[in-house]
Amino acid sequence: MWFRLPRHQSEPVGLSGRIGKGAMMALLDRGDLSQIAYIFPKDGYQQIRHAGLRALRSSIVANAPELADSHSERLRQRVGSRSMLIINLA
């Protein structure tokens, strides 16, 4: 799943990755934006959909805590909006 968030200058520059419980993330510095890949297990989409957007946001913050404080409003606006792209590679 791909989405973008406005980037704060205090965030790491370049490419960074996170591995957490049930998901991996790649965060790419795109200047004013952070492009984020949220990677979940094959057949995991239905679980994510069933759990809802609040659980998805919580999982994102659990894997990338720097997105928690100042980004919570950005996550609320973007995660679940039409700015997300879900690709099934199975």
Protein backbone atom coordinates (compact mmCIF):
# COMPACT_ATOMS: atom_id res chain seq x y z
CA MET A 1 0.00 0.00 0.00
CA TRP A 2 1.47 3.40 -0.97
CA PHE A 3 0.61 6.80 0.44
CA ARG A 4 2.21 10.19 0.90
CA LEU A 5 2.36 12.57 3.83
CA PRO A 6 3.69 16.11 4.01
CA ARG A 7 7.27 15.82 5.29
CA HIS A 8 8.65 17.66 8.32
CA GLN A 9 12.24 18.89 8.15
CA SER A 10 13.03 16.97 11.36
CA GLU A 11 12.39 13.63 9.64
CA PRO A 12 15.26 11.47 8.36
CA VAL A 13 16.58 12.32 4.90
CA GLY A 14 16.75 9.71 2.15
CA LEU A 15 15.41 6.18 2.42
CA SER A 16 14.64 4.38 5.67
CA GLY A 17 12.89 1.13 6.50
CA ARG A 18 10.99 -0.37 9.40
CA ILE A 19 10.19 -3.97 10.24
CA GLY A 20 7.50 -4.57 12.82
CA LYS A 21 4.85 -7.01 13.92
CA GLY A 22 2.96 -8.07 10.81
CA ALA A 23 4.19 -5.31 8.50
CA MET A 24 7.19 -3.60 6.96
CA MET A 25 7.51 -0.01 5.85
CA ALA A 26 9.75 1.95 3.53
CA LEU A 27 9.87 5.73 3.94
CA LEU A 28 11.24 7.76 1.05
CA ASP A 29 12.17 11.42 1.32
CA ARG A 30 10.58 13.23 -1.63
CA GLY A 31 11.45 16.78 -0.60
CA ASP A 32 8.19 18.27 0.72
CA LEU A 33 6.58 14.82 0.93
CA SER A 34 7.31 11.44 2.46
CA GLN A 35 6.29 8.57 0.20
CA ILE A 36 5.49 5.56 2.34
CA ALA A 37 5.14 1.89 1.42
CA TYR A 38 3.23 -0.19 3.96
CA ILE A 39 3.92 -3.85 3.19
CA PHE A 40 1.77 -6.55 4.76
CA PRO A 41 1.62 -10.34 4.39
CA LYS A 42 0.01 -11.99 1.41
CA ASP A 43 -3.73 -12.33 2.03
CA GLY A 44 -3.46 -9.66 4.74
CA TYR A 45 -5.65 -7.10 3.01
CA GLN A 46 -8.92 -8.57 4.29
CA GLN A 47 -7.60 -8.55 7.87
CA ILE A 48 -6.56 -4.91 7.51
CA ARG A 49 -9.90 -4.00 5.97
CA HIS A 50 -11.84 -5.83 8.70
CA ALA A 51 -9.80 -4.18 11.49
CA GLY A 52 -10.55 -0.71 10.11
CA LEU A 53 -8.69 2.52 9.51
CA ARG A 54 -7.99 3.22 13.18
CA ALA A 55 -6.13 -0.10 13.48
CA LEU A 56 -4.22 0.61 10.26
CA ARG A 57 -3.15 4.03 11.54
CA SER A 58 -2.08 2.46 14.84
CA SER A 59 -0.02 -0.15 13.02
CA ILE A 60 1.67 2.54 10.93
CA VAL A 61 2.59 4.51 14.06
CA ALA A 62 3.76 1.34 15.83
CA ASN A 63 6.18 0.69 12.95
CA ALA A 64 7.21 4.33 12.51
CA PRO A 65 6.75 6.16 15.84
CA GLU A 66 8.06 9.40 14.35
CA LEU A 67 4.74 9.64 12.51
CA ALA A 68 2.78 9.74 15.78
CA ASP A 69 2.82 13.18 17.35
CA SER A 70 2.92 15.92 14.78
CA HIS A 71 1.72 13.63 12.02
CA SER A 72 -1.43 12.23 13.61
CA GLU A 73 -3.64 14.73 11.80
CA ARG A 74 -1.87 14.00 8.52
CA LEU A 75 -2.39 10.26 9.03
CA ARG A 76 -6.05 10.82 9.81
CA GLN A 77 -6.49 12.84 6.63
CA ARG A 78 -4.46 10.63 4.27
CA VAL A 79 -4.75 7.03 5.47
CA GLY A 80 -8.10 5.95 4.17
CA SER A 81 -8.38 8.67 1.58
CA ARG A 82 -8.21 8.28 -2.17
CA SER A 83 -4.52 9.20 -2.05
CA MET A 84 -3.64 5.60 -1.17
CA LEU A 85 -2.75 2.90 -3.65
CA ILE A 86 -3.09 -0.78 -2.79
CA ILE A 87 -1.31 -3.24 -5.05
CA ASN A 88 -1.81 -6.98 -4.74
CA LEU A 89 1.34 -8.77 -5.89
CA ALA A 90 -0.02 -12.26 -5.25
